[in-house]
PDB file of all heavy atoms in Angstrom:
ATOM      1  N   ALA A   1     -24.063  39.116 -29.778  1.00  0.00           N
ATOM      2  CA  ALA A   1     -25.093  39.221 -30.814  1.00  0.00           C
ATOM      3  C   ALA A   1     -24.508  38.777 -32.155  1.00  0.00           C
ATOM      4  O   ALA A   1     -23.369  39.125 -32.505  1.00  0.00           O
ATOM      5  CB  ALA A   1     -25.588  40.665 -30.930  1.00  0.00           C
ATOM      6  N   GLY A   2     -25.285  37.969 -32.877  1.00  0.00           N
ATOM      7  CA  GLY A   2     -24.878  37.511 -34.191  1.00  0.00           C
ATOM      8  C   GLY A   2     -23.812  36.450 -34.239  1.00  0.00           C
ATOM      9  O   GLY A   2     -23.321  36.081 -35.300  1.00  0.00           O
ATOM     10  N   ALA A   3     -23.434  35.922 -33.090  1.00  0.00           N
ATOM     11  CA  ALA A   3     -22.363  34.873 -33.037  1.00  0.00           C
ATOM     12  C   ALA A   3     -22.997  33.523 -32.741  1.00  0.00           C
ATOM     13  O   ALA A   3     -23.150  33.131 -31.591  1.00  0.00           O
ATOM     14  CB  ALA A   3     -21.356  35.234 -31.959  1.00  0.00           C
ATOM     15  N   PRO A   4     -23.373  32.787 -33.797  1.00  0.00           N
ATOM     16  CA  PRO A   4     -23.963  31.458 -33.571  1.00  0.00           C
ATOM     17  C   PRO A   4     -22.912  30.466 -33.095  1.00  0.00           C
ATOM     18  O   PRO A   4     -21.734  30.607 -33.422  1.00  0.00           O
ATOM     19  CB  PRO A   4     -24.514  31.060 -34.937  1.00  0.00           C
ATOM     20  CG  PRO A   4     -23.642  31.795 -35.895  1.00  0.00           C
ATOM     21  CD  PRO A   4     -23.263  33.099 -35.216  1.00  0.00           C
ATOM     22  N   THR A   5     -23.325  29.516 -32.302  1.00  0.00           N
ATOM     23  CA  THR A   5     -22.387  28.470 -31.858  1.00  0.00           C
ATOM     24  C   THR A   5     -22.250  27.390 -32.927  1.00  0.00           C
ATOM     25  O   THR A   5     -21.274  26.643 -32.915  1.00  0.00           O
ATOM     26  CB  THR A   5     -22.860  27.785 -30.552  1.00  0.00           C
ATOM     27  OG1 THR A   5     -24.176  27.249 -30.758  1.00  0.00           O
ATOM     28  CG2 THR A   5     -22.884  28.782 -29.422  1.00  0.00           C
ATOM     29  N   GLY A   6     -23.197  27.347 -33.851  1.00  0.00           N
ATOM     30  CA  GLY A   6     -23.144  26.309 -34.890  1.00  0.00           C
ATOM     31  C   GLY A   6     -23.614  24.966 -34.370  1.00  0.00           C
ATOM     32  O   GLY A   6     -23.684  24.733 -33.150  1.00  0.00           O
ATOM     33  N   PRO A   7     -23.927  24.044 -35.260  1.00  0.00           N
ATOM     34  CA  PRO A   7     -24.360  22.714 -34.846  1.00  0.00           C
ATOM     35  C   PRO A   7     -23.268  22.031 -34.005  1.00  0.00           C
ATOM     36  O   PRO A   7     -22.093  22.148 -34.327  1.00  0.00           O
ATOM     37  CB  PRO A   7     -24.579  21.962 -36.155  1.00  0.00           C
ATOM     38  CG  PRO A   7     -24.732  23.028 -37.181  1.00  0.00           C
ATOM     39  CD  PRO A   7     -23.904  24.195 -36.705  1.00  0.00           C
ATOM     40  N   HIS A   8     -23.694  21.352 -32.949  1.00  0.00           N
ATOM     41  CA  HIS A   8     -22.720  20.699 -32.052  1.00  0.00           C
ATOM     42  C   HIS A   8     -23.384  19.621 -31.234  1.00  0.00           C
ATOM     43  O   HIS A   8     -24.594  19.479 -31.236  1.00  0.00           O
ATOM     44  CB  HIS A   8     -22.052  21.754 -31.158  1.00  0.00           C
ATOM     45  CG  HIS A   8     -23.021  22.430 -30.218  1.00  0.00           C
ATOM     46  ND1 HIS A   8     -23.797  23.512 -30.607  1.00  0.00           N
ATOM     47  CD2 HIS A   8     -23.340  22.197 -28.928  1.00  0.00           C
ATOM     48  CE1 HIS A   8     -24.540  23.918 -29.586  1.00  0.00           C
ATOM     49  NE2 HIS A   8     -24.307  23.127 -28.549  1.00  0.00           N
ATOM     50  N   THR A   9     -22.539  18.884 -30.540  1.00  0.00           N
ATOM     51  CA  THR A   9     -23.005  17.934 -29.519  1.00  0.00           C
ATOM     52  C   THR A   9     -22.164  18.169 -28.272  1.00  0.00           C
ATOM     53  O   THR A   9     -21.122  18.836 -28.301  1.00  0.00           O
ATOM     54  CB  THR A   9     -22.831  16.468 -29.964  1.00  0.00           C
ATOM     55  OG1 THR A   9     -21.453  16.212 -30.219  1.00  0.00           O
ATOM     56  CG2 THR A   9     -23.664  16.136 -31.177  1.00  0.00           C
ATOM     57  N   HIS A  10     -22.615  17.609 -27.167  1.00  0.00           N
ATOM     58  CA  HIS A  10     -21.864  17.642 -25.903  1.00  0.00           C
ATOM     59  C   HIS A  10     -21.587  16.196 -25.486  1.00  0.00           C
ATOM     60  O   HIS A  10     -22.327  15.298 -25.843  1.00  0.00           O
ATOM     61  CB  HIS A  10     -22.670  18.356 -24.797  1.00  0.00           C
ATOM     62  CG  HIS A  10     -22.852  19.817 -25.051  1.00  0.00           C
ATOM     63  ND1 HIS A  10     -21.916  20.748 -24.751  1.00  0.00           N
ATOM     64  CD2 HIS A  10     -23.911  20.482 -25.567  1.00  0.00           C
ATOM     65  CE1 HIS A  10     -22.357  21.952 -25.069  1.00  0.00           C
ATOM     66  NE2 HIS A  10     -23.596  21.818 -25.581  1.00  0.00           N
ATOM     67  N   ASN A  11     -20.528  16.026 -24.713  1.00  0.00           N
ATOM     68  CA  ASN A  11     -20.189  14.683 -24.233  1.00  0.00           C
ATOM     69  C   ASN A  11     -20.997  14.264 -23.010  1.00  0.00           C
ATOM     70  O   ASN A  11     -20.728  13.209 -22.421  1.00  0.00           O
ATOM     71  CB  ASN A  11     -18.667  14.537 -23.967  1.00  0.00           C
ATOM     72  CG  ASN A  11     -18.185  15.494 -22.906  1.00  0.00           C
ATOM     73  OD1 ASN A  11     -18.777  16.516 -22.621  1.00  0.00           O
ATOM     74  ND2 ASN A  11     -17.054  15.156 -22.298  1.00  0.00           N
ATOM     75  N   GLY A  12     -21.945  15.059 -22.615  1.00  0.00           N
ATOM     76  CA  GLY A  12     -22.825  14.763 -21.503  1.00  0.00           C
ATOM     77  C   GLY A  12     -23.975  15.735 -21.542  1.00  0.00           C
ATOM     78  O   GLY A  12     -24.009  16.634 -22.369  1.00  0.00           O
ATOM     79  N   PRO A  13     -24.939  15.593 -20.654  1.00  0.00           N
ATOM     80  CA  PRO A  13     -26.097  16.486 -20.653  1.00  0.00           C
ATOM     81  C   PRO A  13     -25.682  17.897 -20.183  1.00  0.00           C
ATOM     82  O   PRO A  13     -24.682  18.066 -19.502  1.00  0.00           O
ATOM     83  CB  PRO A  13     -27.062  15.840 -19.670  1.00  0.00           C
ATOM     84  CG  PRO A  13     -26.161  15.051 -18.762  1.00  0.00           C
ATOM     85  CD  PRO A  13     -25.016  14.582 -19.596  1.00  0.00           C
ATOM     86  N   VAL A  14     -26.515  18.851 -20.596  1.00  0.00           N
ATOM     87  CA  VAL A  14     -26.301  20.248 -20.177  1.00  0.00           C
ATOM     88  C   VAL A  14     -27.642  20.784 -19.689  1.00  0.00           C
ATOM     89  O   VAL A  14     -28.658  20.650 -20.361  1.00  0.00           O
ATOM     90  CB  VAL A  14     -25.804  21.137 -21.339  1.00  0.00           C
ATOM     91  CG1 VAL A  14     -25.612  22.570 -20.873  1.00  0.00           C
ATOM     92  CG2 VAL A  14     -24.549  20.570 -21.957  1.00  0.00           C
ATOM     93  N   PHE A  15     -27.634  21.371 -18.485  1.00  0.00           N
ATOM     94  CA  PHE A  15     -28.810  22.031 -17.929  1.00  0.00           C
ATOM     95  C   PHE A  15     -28.473  23.512 -17.866  1.00  0.00           C
ATOM     96  O   PHE A  15     -27.355  23.879 -17.558  1.00  0.00           O
ATOM     97  CB  PHE A  15     -29.081  21.529 -16.517  1.00  0.00           C
ATOM     98  CG  PHE A  15     -29.403  20.075 -16.451  1.00  0.00           C
ATOM     99  CD1 PHE A  15     -28.387  19.110 -16.383  1.00  0.00           C
ATOM    100  CD2 PHE A  15     -30.712  19.645 -16.428  1.00  0.00           C
ATOM    101  CE1 PHE A  15     -28.692  17.765 -16.306  1.00  0.00           C
ATOM    102  CE2 PHE A  15     -31.028  18.307 -16.372  1.00  0.00           C
ATOM    103  CZ  PHE A  15     -30.009  17.352 -16.307  1.00  0.00           C
ATOM    104  N   GLY A  16     -29.448  24.369 -18.110  1.00  0.00           N
ATOM    105  CA  GLY A  16     -29.138  25.788 -18.048  1.00  0.00           C
ATOM    106  C   GLY A  16     -30.336  26.653 -17.780  1.00  0.00           C
ATOM    107  O   GLY A  16     -31.496  26.208 -17.833  1.00  0.00           O
ATOM    108  N   VAL A  17     -30.036  27.929 -17.539  1.00  0.00           N
ATOM    109  CA  VAL A  17     -31.056  28.961 -17.336  1.00  0.00           C
ATOM    110  C   VAL A  17     -30.556  30.227 -18.023  1.00  0.00           C
ATOM    111  O   VAL A  17     -29.408  30.606 -17.876  1.00  0.00           O
ATOM    112  CB  VAL A  17     -31.387  29.192 -15.828  1.00  0.00           C
ATOM    113  CG1 VAL A  17     -30.170  29.658 -15.081  1.00  0.00           C
ATOM    114  CG2 VAL A  17     -32.537  30.167 -15.689  1.00  0.00           C
ATOM    115  N   VAL A  18     -31.435  30.882 -18.769  1.00  0.00           N
ATOM    116  CA  VAL A  18     -31.120  32.118 -19.453  1.00  0.00           C
ATOM    117  C   VAL A  18     -31.149  33.243 -18.417  1.00  0.00           C
ATOM    118  O   VAL A  18     -32.083  33.373 -17.630  1.00  0.00           O
ATOM    119  CB  VAL A  18     -32.156  32.401 -20.572  1.00  0.00           C
ATOM    120  CG1 VAL A  18     -31.908  33.754 -21.202  1.00  0.00           C
ATOM    121  CG2 VAL A  18     -32.146  31.284 -21.617  1.00  0.00           C
ATOM    122  N   LEU A  19     -30.091  34.054 -18.438  1.00  0.00           N
ATOM    123  CA  LEU A  19     -30.016  35.232 -17.540  1.00  0.00           C
ATOM    124  C   LEU A  19     -30.377  36.498 -18.269  1.00  0.00           C
ATOM    125  O   LEU A  19     -31.082  37.346 -17.743  1.00  0.00           O
ATOM    126  CB  LEU A  19     -28.607  35.358 -16.952  1.00  0.00           C
ATOM    127  CG  LEU A  19     -28.102  34.208 -16.100  1.00  0.00           C
ATOM    128  CD1 LEU A  19     -26.691  34.479 -15.636  1.00  0.00           C
ATOM    129  CD2 LEU A  19     -29.018  33.985 -14.897  1.00  0.00           C
ATOM    130  N   GLU A  20     -29.839  36.702 -19.512  1.00  0.00           N
ATOM    131  CA  GLU A  20     -30.083  37.903 -20.274  1.00  0.00           C
ATOM    132  C   GLU A  20     -30.260  37.549 -21.748  1.00  0.00           C
ATOM    133  O   GLU A  20     -29.574  36.649 -22.252  1.00  0.00           O
ATOM    134  CB  GLU A  20     -28.893  38.857 -20.153  1.00  0.00           C
ATOM    135  CG  GLU A  20     -28.586  39.327 -18.749  1.00  0.00           C
ATOM    136  CD  GLU A  20     -27.281  40.133 -18.686  1.00  0.00           C
ATOM    137  OE1 GLU A  20     -26.824  40.657 -19.731  1.00  0.00           O
ATOM    138  OE2 GLU A  20     -26.723  40.195 -17.585  1.00  0.00           O
ATOM    139  N   GLY A  21     -31.124  38.254 -22.431  1.00  0.00           N
ATOM    140  CA  GLY A  21     -31.344  38.023 -23.869  1.00  0.00           C
ATOM    141  C   GLY A  21     -32.334  36.920 -24.116  1.00  0.00           C
ATOM    142  O   GLY A  21     -33.087  36.503 -23.218  1.00  0.00           O
ATOM    143  N   THR A  22     -32.386  36.484 -25.357  1.00  0.00           N
ATOM    144  CA  THR A  22     -33.282  35.393 -25.774  1.00  0.00           C
ATOM    145  C   THR A  22     -32.452  34.302 -26.419  1.00  0.00           C
ATOM    146  O   THR A  22     -31.679  34.580 -27.347  1.00  0.00           O
ATOM    147  CB  THR A  22     -34.325  35.907 -26.795  1.00  0.00           C
ATOM    148  OG1 THR A  22     -35.098  36.944 -26.195  1.00  0.00           O
ATOM    149  CG2 THR A  22     -35.252  34.806 -27.251  1.00  0.00           C
ATOM    150  N   ALA A  23     -32.591  33.086 -25.934  1.00  0.00           N
ATOM    151  CA  ALA A  23     -31.899  31.944 -26.521  1.00  0.00           C
ATOM    152  C   ALA A  23     -32.773  31.322 -27.601  1.00  0.00           C
ATOM    153  O   ALA A  23     -33.967  31.098 -27.390  1.00  0.00           O
ATOM    154  CB  ALA A  23     -31.602  30.884 -25.438  1.00  0.00           C
ATOM    155  N   HIS A  24     -32.178  31.064 -28.755  1.00  0.00           N
ATOM    156  CA  HIS A  24     -32.833  30.342 -29.839  1.00  0.00           C
ATOM    157  C   HIS A  24     -32.229  28.961 -29.846  1.00  0.00           C
ATOM    158  O   HIS A  24     -31.047  28.779 -30.124  1.00  0.00           O
ATOM    159  CB  HIS A  24     -32.596  31.057 -31.160  1.00  0.00           C
ATOM    160  CG  HIS A  24     -33.064  32.474 -31.175  1.00  0.00           C
ATOM    161  ND1 HIS A  24     -34.353  32.823 -31.497  1.00  0.00           N
ATOM    162  CD2 HIS A  24     -32.418  33.625 -30.845  1.00  0.00           C
ATOM    163  CE1 HIS A  24     -34.480  34.148 -31.390  1.00  0.00           C
ATOM    164  NE2 HIS A  24     -33.312  34.643 -30.988  1.00  0.00           N
ATOM    165  N   VAL A  25     -33.031  27.956 -29.451  1.00  0.00           N
ATOM    166  CA  VAL A  25     -32.534  26.621 -29.214  1.00  0.00           C
ATOM    167  C   VAL A  25     -33.277  25.619 -30.088  1.00  0.00           C
ATOM    168  O   VAL A  25     -34.519  25.616 -30.102  1.00  0.00           O
ATOM    169  CB  VAL A  25     -32.752  26.228 -27.726  1.00  0.00           C
ATOM    170  CG1 VAL A  25     -32.161  24.855 -27.445  1.00  0.00           C
ATOM    171  CG2 VAL A  25     -32.159  27.268 -26.786  1.00  0.00           C
ATOM    172  N   GLN A  26     -32.491  24.765 -30.777  1.00  0.00           N
ATOM    173  CA  GLN A  26     -33.099  23.687 -31.567  1.00  0.00           C
ATOM    174  C   GLN A  26     -32.315  22.420 -31.262  1.00  0.00           C
ATOM    175  O   GLN A  26     -31.104  22.344 -31.500  1.00  0.00           O
ATOM    176  CB  GLN A  26     -33.055  23.996 -33.047  1.00  0.00           C
ATOM    177  CG  GLN A  26     -33.757  22.923 -33.885  1.00  0.00           C
ATOM    178  CD  GLN A  26     -33.682  23.210 -35.373  1.00  0.00           C
ATOM    179  OE1 GLN A  26     -32.772  23.871 -35.860  1.00  0.00           O
ATOM    180  NE2 GLN A  26     -34.690  22.729 -36.091  1.00  0.00           N
ATOM    181  N   VAL A  27     -33.004  21.411 -30.737  1.00  0.00           N
ATOM    182  CA  VAL A  27     -32.389  20.128 -30.355  1.00  0.00           C
ATOM    183  C   VAL A  27     -32.874  19.029 -31.294  1.00  0.00           C
ATOM    184  O   VAL A  27     -34.072  18.822 -31.442  1.00  0.00           O
ATOM    185  CB  VAL A  27     -32.732  19.779 -28.871  1.00  0.00           C
ATOM    186  CG1 VAL A  27     -32.166  18.433 -28.513  1.00  0.00           C
ATOM    187  CG2 VAL A  27     -32.264  20.844 -27.927  1.00  0.00           C
ATOM    188  N   ASP A  28     -31.929  18.342 -31.932  1.00  0.00           N
ATOM    189  CA  ASP A  28     -32.159  17.155 -32.733  1.00  0.00           C
ATOM    190  C   ASP A  28     -33.279  17.336 -33.754  1.00  0.00           C
ATOM    191  O   ASP A  28     -34.186  16.494 -33.879  1.00  0.00           O
ATOM    192  CB  ASP A  28     -32.480  15.984 -31.815  1.00  0.00           C
ATOM    193  CG  ASP A  28     -32.250  14.617 -32.483  1.00  0.00           C
ATOM    194  OD1 ASP A  28     -31.585  14.588 -33.533  1.00  0.00           O
ATOM    195  OD2 ASP A  28     -32.772  13.634 -31.986  1.00  0.00           O
ATOM    196  N   GLY A  29     -33.246  18.442 -34.502  1.00  0.00           N
ATOM    197  CA  GLY A  29     -34.216  18.693 -35.552  1.00  0.00           C
ATOM    198  C   GLY A  29     -35.592  19.090 -35.100  1.00  0.00           C
ATOM    199  O   GLY A  29     -36.489  19.240 -35.937  1.00  0.00           O
ATOM    200  N   GLY A  30     -35.784  19.290 -33.801  1.00  0.00           N
ATOM    201  CA  GLY A  30     -37.102  19.704 -33.285  1.00  0.00           C
ATOM    202  C   GLY A  30     -37.383  21.156 -33.586  1.00  0.00           C
ATOM    203  O   GLY A  30     -36.600  21.824 -34.271  1.00  0.00           O
ATOM    204  N   PRO A  31     -38.469  21.681 -33.057  1.00  0.00           N
ATOM    205  CA  PRO A  31     -38.789  23.062 -33.299  1.00  0.00           C
ATOM    206  C   PRO A  31     -37.795  24.017 -32.587  1.00  0.00           C
ATOM    207  O   PRO A  31     -37.210  23.649 -31.563  1.00  0.00           O
ATOM    208  CB  PRO A  31     -40.195  23.248 -32.685  1.00  0.00           C
ATOM    209  CG  PRO A  31     -40.283  22.132 -31.679  1.00  0.00           C
ATOM    210  CD  PRO A  31     -39.451  21.001 -32.203  1.00  0.00           C
ATOM    211  N   VAL A  32     -37.599  25.197 -33.154  1.00  0.00           N
ATOM    212  CA  VAL A  32     -36.751  26.196 -32.513  1.00  0.00           C
ATOM    213  C   VAL A  32     -37.557  26.793 -31.357  1.00  0.00           C
ATOM    214  O   VAL A  32     -38.668  27.259 -31.533  1.00  0.00           O
ATOM    215  CB  VAL A  32     -36.323  27.297 -33.506  1.00  0.00           C
ATOM    216  CG1 VAL A  32     -35.528  28.406 -32.788  1.00  0.00           C
ATOM    217  CG2 VAL A  32     -35.500  26.732 -34.637  1.00  0.00           C
ATOM    218  N   GLN A  33     -36.972  26.743 -30.160  1.00  0.00           N
ATOM    219  CA  GLN A  33     -37.580  27.349 -28.990  1.00  0.00           C
ATOM    220  C   GLN A  33     -36.937  28.702 -28.723  1.00  0.00           C
ATOM    221  O   GLN A  33     -35.732  28.861 -28.946  1.00  0.00           O
ATOM    222  CB  GLN A  33     -37.353  26.477 -27.757  1.00  0.00           C
ATOM    223  CG  GLN A  33     -37.934  25.094 -27.849  1.00  0.00           C
ATOM    224  CD  GLN A  33     -37.569  24.312 -26.595  1.00  0.00           C
ATOM    225  OE1 GLN A  33     -37.627  24.801 -25.491  1.00  0.00           O
ATOM    226  NE2 GLN A  33     -37.210  23.037 -26.816  1.00  0.00           N
ATOM    227  N   GLN A  34     -37.716  29.660 -28.265  1.00  0.00           N
ATOM    228  CA  GLN A  34     -37.190  30.945 -27.842  1.00  0.00           C
ATOM    229  C   GLN A  34     -37.388  31.048 -26.336  1.00  0.00           C
ATOM    230  O   GLN A  34     -38.516  31.020 -25.862  1.00  0.00           O
ATOM    231  CB  GLN A  34     -37.878  32.093 -28.585  1.00  0.00           C
ATOM    232  CG  GLN A  34     -37.533  32.059 -30.066  1.00  0.00           C
ATOM    233  CD  GLN A  34     -38.041  33.308 -30.790  1.00  0.00           C
ATOM    234  OE1 GLN A  34     -38.254  34.347 -30.175  1.00  0.00           O
ATOM    235  NE2 GLN A  34     -38.197  33.202 -32.076  1.00  0.00           N
ATOM    236  N   LEU A  35     -36.262  31.171 -25.623  1.00  0.00           N
ATOM    237  CA  LEU A  35     -36.283  31.186 -24.169  1.00  0.00           C
ATOM    238  C   LEU A  35     -35.774  32.526 -23.649  1.00  0.00           C
ATOM    239  O   LEU A  35     -34.700  32.985 -24.073  1.00  0.00           O
ATOM    240  CB  LEU A  35     -35.431  30.037 -23.609  1.00  0.00           C
ATOM    241  CG  LEU A  35     -35.729  28.640 -24.122  1.00  0.00           C
ATOM    242  CD1 LEU A  35     -34.722  27.661 -23.588  1.00  0.00           C
ATOM    243  CD2 LEU A  35     -37.155  28.236 -23.745  1.00  0.00           C
ATOM    244  N   GLY A  36     -36.522  33.126 -22.746  1.00  0.00           N
ATOM    245  CA  GLY A  36     -36.119  34.417 -22.168  1.00  0.00           C
ATOM    246  C   GLY A  36     -35.536  34.253 -20.779  1.00  0.00           C
ATOM    247  O   GLY A  36     -35.419  33.115 -20.249  1.00  0.00           O
ATOM    248  N   PRO A  37     -35.157  35.357 -20.158  1.00  0.00           N
ATOM    249  CA  PRO A  37     -34.576  35.332 -18.830  1.00  0.00           C
ATOM    250  C   PRO A  37     -35.437  34.537 -17.834  1.00  0.00           C
ATOM    251  O   PRO A  37     -36.658  34.691 -17.788  1.00  0.00           O
ATOM    252  CB  PRO A  37     -34.502  36.800 -18.444  1.00  0.00           C
ATOM    253  CG  PRO A  37     -34.350  37.507 -19.761  1.00  0.00           C
ATOM    254  CD  PRO A  37     -35.263  36.718 -20.700  1.00  0.00           C
ATOM    255  N   GLY A  38     -34.771  33.670 -17.090  1.00  0.00           N
ATOM    256  CA  GLY A  38     -35.439  32.844 -16.091  1.00  0.00           C
ATOM    257  C   GLY A  38     -35.917  31.515 -16.619  1.00  0.00           C
ATOM    258  O   GLY A  38     -36.321  30.645 -15.835  1.00  0.00           O
ATOM    259  N   GLU A  39     -35.926  31.330 -17.930  1.00  0.00           N
ATOM    260  CA  GLU A  39     -36.387  30.059 -18.489  1.00  0.00           C
ATOM    261  C   GLU A  39     -35.233  29.053 -18.565  1.00  0.00           C
ATOM    262  O   GLU A  39     -34.084  29.439 -18.811  1.00  0.00           O
ATOM    263  CB  GLU A  39     -37.013  30.261 -19.863  1.00  0.00           C
ATOM    264  CG  GLU A  39     -38.304  31.048 -19.778  1.00  0.00           C
ATOM    265  CD  GLU A  39     -39.049  31.107 -21.089  1.00  0.00           C
ATOM    266  OE1 GLU A  39     -38.599  31.882 -21.976  1.00  0.00           O
ATOM    267  OE2 GLU A  39     -40.042  30.394 -21.236  1.00  0.00           O
TER     268      GLU A  39
END
């Protein structure tokens, strides 16, 4: 909680699924998405 990863890039694509909590995700200046478990 409270530990942001900060702006970053990856050297390849990343696929994922939220297991616990809510992910706040913003890609390339787009809208912030809130993703819950299973998303």
